[in-house]
Amino acid sequence: MNLKSKTMVRLHGDRSSLLNALMRATSRHNRLQSQAAHHSLAKNRDHDLSKARGPKN
């Protein structure tokens, strides 16, 4: 029980750096996902790209 409470205190103290690391990892993951989607679109040029890409701004 003592070990658990120590871990909780450490996590609360480190929350901002953990959050930053999580956001960095998430943004990197999203960038990789969008690159992968772009590559698959480039391969399938014969399909209708207007539907795949969504509405234009």
PDB file of N, CA and C in Angstrom:
ATOM      1  N   MET A   1       0.836  -1.207   0.000  1.00  0.00           N
ATOM      2  CA  MET A   1       0.000   0.000   0.000  1.00  0.00           C
ATOM      3  C   MET A   1       0.871   1.259   0.000  1.00  0.00           C
ATOM      4  N   ASN A   2       1.942   1.220   0.783  1.00  0.00           N
ATOM      5  CA  ASN A   2       2.837   2.377   0.836  1.00  0.00           C
ATOM      6  C   ASN A   2       3.482   2.628  -0.519  1.00  0.00           C
ATOM      7  N   LEU A   3       3.890   1.553  -1.182  1.00  0.00           N
ATOM      8  CA  LEU A   3       4.513   1.688  -2.496  1.00  0.00           C
ATOM      9  C   LEU A   3       3.538   2.304  -3.497  1.00  0.00           C
ATOM     10  N   LYS A   4       2.272   1.872  -3.416  1.00  0.00           N
ATOM     11  CA  LYS A   4       1.272   2.394  -4.348  1.00  0.00           C
ATOM     12  C   LYS A   4       1.071   3.898  -4.144  1.00  0.00           C
ATOM     13  N   SER A   5       0.966   4.328  -2.893  1.00  0.00           N
ATOM     14  CA  SER A   5       0.754   5.752  -2.646  1.00  0.00           C
ATOM     15  C   SER A   5       1.966   6.562  -3.089  1.00  0.00           C
ATOM     16  N   LYS A   6       3.174   6.021  -2.908  1.00  0.00           N
ATOM     17  CA  LYS A   6       4.371   6.725  -3.388  1.00  0.00           C
ATOM     18  C   LYS A   6       4.319   6.875  -4.904  1.00  0.00           C
ATOM     19  N   THR A   7       3.906   5.808  -5.588  1.00  0.00           N
ATOM     20  CA  THR A   7       3.817   5.861  -7.044  1.00  0.00           C
ATOM     21  C   THR A   7       2.794   6.905  -7.475  1.00  0.00           C
ATOM     22  N   MET A   8       1.664   6.965  -6.779  1.00  0.00           N
ATOM     23  CA  MET A   8       0.634   7.939  -7.124  1.00  0.00           C
ATOM     24  C   MET A   8       1.167   9.359  -6.954  1.00  0.00           C
ATOM     25  N   VAL A   9       1.883   9.606  -5.872  1.00  0.00           N
ATOM     26  CA  VAL A   9       2.437  10.942  -5.641  1.00  0.00           C
ATOM     27  C   VAL A   9       3.418  11.290  -6.749  1.00  0.00           C
ATOM     28  N   ARG A  10       4.242  10.325  -7.137  1.00  0.00           N
ATOM     29  CA  ARG A  10       5.213  10.591  -8.190  1.00  0.00           C
ATOM     30  C   ARG A  10       4.492  10.892  -9.508  1.00  0.00           C
ATOM     31  N   LEU A  11       3.439  10.142  -9.797  1.00  0.00           N
ATOM     32  CA  LEU A  11       2.693  10.374 -11.032  1.00  0.00           C
ATOM     33  C   LEU A  11       2.048  11.758 -11.026  1.00  0.00           C
ATOM     34  N   HIS A  12       1.481  12.137  -9.887  1.00  0.00           N
ATOM     35  CA  HIS A  12       0.841  13.453  -9.826  1.00  0.00           C
ATOM     36  C   HIS A  12       1.872  14.559  -9.985  1.00  0.00           C
ATOM     37  N   GLY A  13       3.047  14.368  -9.414  1.00  0.00           N
ATOM     38  CA  GLY A  13       4.089  15.369  -9.554  1.00  0.00           C
ATOM     39  C   GLY A  13       4.596  15.457 -10.983  1.00  0.00           C
ATOM     40  N   ASP A  14       4.507  14.356 -11.706  1.00  0.00           N
ATOM     41  CA  ASP A  14       5.061  14.278 -13.055  1.00  0.00           C
ATOM     42  C   ASP A  14       3.991  14.416 -14.130  1.00  0.00           C
ATOM     43  N   ARG A  15       2.819  14.854 -13.729  1.00  0.00           N
ATOM     44  CA  ARG A  15       1.688  14.802 -14.660  1.00  0.00           C
ATOM     45  C   ARG A  15       1.948  15.615 -15.928  1.00  0.00           C
ATOM     46  N   SER A  16       2.527  16.800 -15.797  1.00  0.00           N
ATOM     47  CA  SER A  16       2.698  17.649 -16.982  1.00  0.00           C
ATOM     48  C   SER A  16       3.670  17.019 -17.967  1.00  0.00           C
ATOM     49  N   SER A  17       4.770  16.453 -17.459  1.00  0.00           N
ATOM     50  CA  SER A  17       5.728  15.848 -18.386  1.00  0.00           C
ATOM     51  C   SER A  17       5.142  14.591 -19.011  1.00  0.00           C
ATOM     52  N   LEU A  18       4.362  13.831 -18.236  1.00  0.00           N
ATOM     53  CA  LEU A  18       3.704  12.651 -18.804  1.00  0.00           C
ATOM     54  C   LEU A  18       2.731  13.074 -19.894  1.00  0.00           C
ATOM     55  N   LEU A  19       1.974  14.130 -19.623  1.00  0.00           N
ATOM     56  CA  LEU A  19       0.997  14.615 -20.598  1.00  0.00           C
ATOM     57  C   LEU A  19       1.703  15.080 -21.865  1.00  0.00           C
ATOM     58  N   ASN A  20       2.814  15.793 -21.687  1.00  0.00           N
ATOM     59  CA  ASN A  20       3.567  16.253 -22.855  1.00  0.00           C
ATOM     60  C   ASN A  20       4.078  15.076 -23.674  1.00  0.00           C
ATOM     61  N   ALA A  21       4.600  14.062 -22.994  1.00  0.00           N
ATOM     62  CA  ALA A  21       5.111  12.891 -23.707  1.00  0.00           C
ATOM     63  C   ALA A  21       3.978  12.192 -24.454  1.00  0.00           C
ATOM     64  N   LEU A  22       2.824  12.089 -23.802  1.00  0.00           N
ATOM     65  CA  LEU A  22       1.674  11.439 -24.438  1.00  0.00           C
ATOM     66  C   LEU A  22       1.231  12.224 -25.668  1.00  0.00           C
ATOM     67  N   MET A  23       1.170  13.540 -25.546  1.00  0.00           N
ATOM     68  CA  MET A  23       0.745  14.357 -26.686  1.00  0.00           C
ATOM     69  C   MET A  23       1.752  14.274 -27.826  1.00  0.00           C
ATOM     70  N   ARG A  24       3.049  14.246 -27.477  1.00  0.00           N
ATOM     71  CA  ARG A  24       4.060  14.101 -28.522  1.00  0.00           C
ATOM     72  C   ARG A  24       3.895  12.777 -29.245  1.00  0.00           C
ATOM     73  N   ALA A  25       3.702  11.705 -28.475  1.00  0.00           N
ATOM     74  CA  ALA A  25       3.541  10.383 -29.088  1.00  0.00           C
ATOM     75  C   ALA A  25       2.284  10.352 -29.952  1.00  0.00           C
ATOM     76  N   THR A  26       1.203  10.974 -29.469  1.00  0.00           N
ATOM     77  CA  THR A  26      -0.053  10.970 -30.218  1.00  0.00           C
ATOM     78  C   THR A  26       0.087  11.735 -31.525  1.00  0.00           C
ATOM     79  N   SER A  27       0.726  12.903 -31.466  1.00  0.00           N
ATOM     80  CA  SER A  27       0.864  13.691 -32.694  1.00  0.00           C
ATOM     81  C   SER A  27       1.748  12.953 -33.693  1.00  0.00           C
ATOM     82  N   ARG A  28       2.794  12.285 -33.191  1.00  0.00           N
ATOM     83  CA  ARG A  28       3.663  11.532 -34.090  1.00  0.00           C
ATOM     84  C   ARG A  28       2.881  10.391 -34.723  1.00  0.00           C
ATOM     85  N   HIS A  29       2.059   9.720 -33.905  1.00  0.00           N
ATOM     86  CA  HIS A  29       1.254   8.611 -34.419  1.00  0.00           C
ATOM     87  C   HIS A  29       0.279   9.105 -35.479  1.00  0.00           C
ATOM     88  N   ASN A  30      -0.372  10.238 -35.218  1.00  0.00           N
ATOM     89  CA  ASN A  30      -1.319  10.784 -36.194  1.00  0.00           C
ATOM     90  C   ASN A  30      -0.614  11.135 -37.494  1.00  0.00           C
ATOM     91  N   ARG A  31       0.598  11.696 -37.387  1.00  0.00           N
ATOM     92  CA  ARG A  31       1.337  12.050 -38.587  1.00  0.00           C
ATOM     93  C   ARG A  31       1.672  10.794 -39.386  1.00  0.00           C
ATOM     94  N   LEU A  32       2.070   9.724 -38.696  1.00  0.00           N
ATOM     95  CA  LEU A  32       2.379   8.473 -39.390  1.00  0.00           C
ATOM     96  C   LEU A  32       1.122   7.911 -40.048  1.00  0.00           C
ATOM     97  N   GLN A  33      -0.006   7.987 -39.346  1.00  0.00           N
ATOM     98  CA  GLN A  33      -1.260   7.482 -39.896  1.00  0.00           C
ATOM     99  C   GLN A  33      -1.638   8.244 -41.161  1.00  0.00           C
ATOM    100  N   SER A  34      -1.526   9.574 -41.125  1.00  0.00           N
ATOM    101  CA  SER A  34      -1.909  10.362 -42.299  1.00  0.00           C
ATOM    102  C   SER A  34      -0.960  10.082 -43.459  1.00  0.00           C
ATOM    103  N   GLN A  35       0.321   9.872 -43.170  1.00  0.00           N
ATOM    104  CA  GLN A  35       1.263   9.527 -44.235  1.00  0.00           C
ATOM    105  C   GLN A  35       0.885   8.190 -44.855  1.00  0.00           C
ATOM    106  N   ALA A  36       0.521   7.218 -44.011  1.00  0.00           N
ATOM    107  CA  ALA A  36       0.142   5.903 -44.521  1.00  0.00           C
ATOM    108  C   ALA A  36      -1.108   6.019 -45.390  1.00  0.00           C
ATOM    109  N   ALA A  37      -2.077   6.827 -44.953  1.00  0.00           N
ATOM    110  CA  ALA A  37      -3.296   7.015 -45.736  1.00  0.00           C
ATOM    111  C   ALA A  37      -2.967   7.674 -47.067  1.00  0.00           C
ATOM    112  N   HIS A  38      -2.057   8.630 -47.039  1.00  0.00           N
ATOM    113  CA  HIS A  38      -1.673   9.323 -48.274  1.00  0.00           C
ATOM    114  C   HIS A  38      -1.003   8.352 -49.243  1.00  0.00           C
ATOM    115  N   HIS A  39      -0.155   7.474 -48.717  1.00  0.00           N
ATOM    116  CA  HIS A  39       0.515   6.506 -49.583  1.00  0.00           C
ATOM    117  C   HIS A  39      -0.498   5.550 -50.215  1.00  0.00           C
ATOM    118  N   SER A  40      -1.476   5.103 -49.428  1.00  0.00           N
ATOM    119  CA  SER A  40      -2.461   4.174 -49.989  1.00  0.00           C
ATOM    120  C   SER A  40      -3.318   4.881 -51.042  1.00  0.00           C
ATOM    121  N   LEU A  41      -3.606   6.170 -50.831  1.00  0.00           N
ATOM    122  CA  LEU A  41      -4.355   6.925 -51.843  1.00  0.00           C
ATOM    123  C   LEU A  41      -3.532   7.051 -53.122  1.00  0.00           C
ATOM    124  N   ALA A  42      -2.242   7.297 -52.967  1.00  0.00           N
ATOM    125  CA  ALA A  42      -1.384   7.455 -54.139  1.00  0.00           C
ATOM    126  C   ALA A  42      -1.328   6.156 -54.938  1.00  0.00           C
ATOM    127  N   LYS A  43      -1.397   5.027 -54.249  1.00  0.00           N
ATOM    128  CA  LYS A  43      -1.373   3.741 -54.949  1.00  0.00           C
ATOM    129  C   LYS A  43      -2.669   3.521 -55.725  1.00  0.00           C
ATOM    130  N   ASN A  44      -3.785   3.962 -55.136  1.00  0.00           N
ATOM    131  CA  ASN A  44      -5.085   3.692 -55.748  1.00  0.00           C
ATOM    132  C   ASN A  44      -5.592   4.916 -56.506  1.00  0.00           C
ATOM    133  N   ARG A  45      -4.808   5.407 -57.443  1.00  0.00           N
ATOM    134  CA  ARG A  45      -5.196   6.624 -58.162  1.00  0.00           C
ATOM    135  C   ARG A  45      -6.410   6.400 -59.062  1.00  0.00           C
ATOM    136  N   ASP A  46      -6.668   5.147 -59.442  1.00  0.00           N
ATOM    137  CA  ASP A  46      -7.796   4.907 -60.344  1.00  0.00           C
ATOM    138  C   ASP A  46      -9.131   4.974 -59.616  1.00  0.00           C
ATOM    139  N   HIS A  47      -9.113   4.972 -58.259  1.00  0.00           N
ATOM    140  CA  HIS A  47     -10.367   5.106 -57.518  1.00  0.00           C
ATOM    141  C   HIS A  47     -10.787   6.571 -57.462  1.00  0.00           C
ATOM    142  N   ASP A  48     -12.032   6.799 -57.056  1.00  0.00           N
ATOM    143  CA  ASP A  48     -12.544   8.168 -56.983  1.00  0.00           C
ATOM    144  C   ASP A  48     -11.938   8.885 -55.778  1.00  0.00           C
ATOM    145  N   LEU A  49     -11.005   9.785 -56.016  1.00  0.00           N
ATOM    146  CA  LEU A  49     -10.313  10.454 -54.916  1.00  0.00           C
ATOM    147  C   LEU A  49     -11.162  11.538 -54.264  1.00  0.00           C
ATOM    148  N   SER A  50     -12.143  12.073 -54.977  1.00  0.00           N
ATOM    149  CA  SER A  50     -12.953  13.135 -54.383  1.00  0.00           C
ATOM    150  C   SER A  50     -13.727  12.607 -53.179  1.00  0.00           C
ATOM    151  N   LYS A  51     -14.194  11.369 -53.250  1.00  0.00           N
ATOM    152  CA  LYS A  51     -14.903  10.791 -52.108  1.00  0.00           C
ATOM    153  C   LYS A  51     -13.926  10.426 -50.997  1.00  0.00           C
ATOM    154  N   ALA A  52     -12.759   9.911 -51.362  1.00  0.00           N
ATOM    155  CA  ALA A  52     -11.802   9.454 -50.361  1.00  0.00           C
ATOM    156  C   ALA A  52     -11.226  10.620 -49.562  1.00  0.00           C
ATOM    157  N   ARG A  53     -11.019  11.750 -50.215  1.00  0.00           N
ATOM    158  CA  ARG A  53     -10.388  12.873 -49.530  1.00  0.00           C
ATOM    159  C   ARG A  53     -11.379  13.724 -48.750  1.00  0.00           C
ATOM    160  N   GLY A  54     -12.652  13.587 -49.010  1.00  0.00           N
ATOM    161  CA  GLY A  54     -13.629  14.381 -48.288  1.00  0.00           C
ATOM    162  C   GLY A  54     -13.831  15.736 -48.939  1.00  0.00           C
ATOM    163  N   PRO A  55     -14.664  16.595 -48.355  1.00  0.00           N
ATOM    164  CA  PRO A  55     -14.973  17.904 -48.952  1.00  0.00           C
ATOM    165  C   PRO A  55     -13.762  18.816 -48.955  1.00  0.00           C
ATOM    166  N   LYS A  56     -13.629  19.596 -50.007  1.00  0.00           N
ATOM    167  CA  LYS A  56     -12.516  20.549 -50.075  1.00  0.00           C
ATOM    168  C   LYS A  56     -12.907  21.835 -49.381  1.00  0.00           C
ATOM    169  N   ASN A  57     -11.905  22.505 -48.794  1.00  0.00           N
ATOM    170  CA  ASN A  57     -12.175  23.763 -48.084  1.00  0.00           C
ATOM    171  C   ASN A  57     -12.202  24.918 -49.062  1.00  0.00           C
TER     172      ASN A  57
END
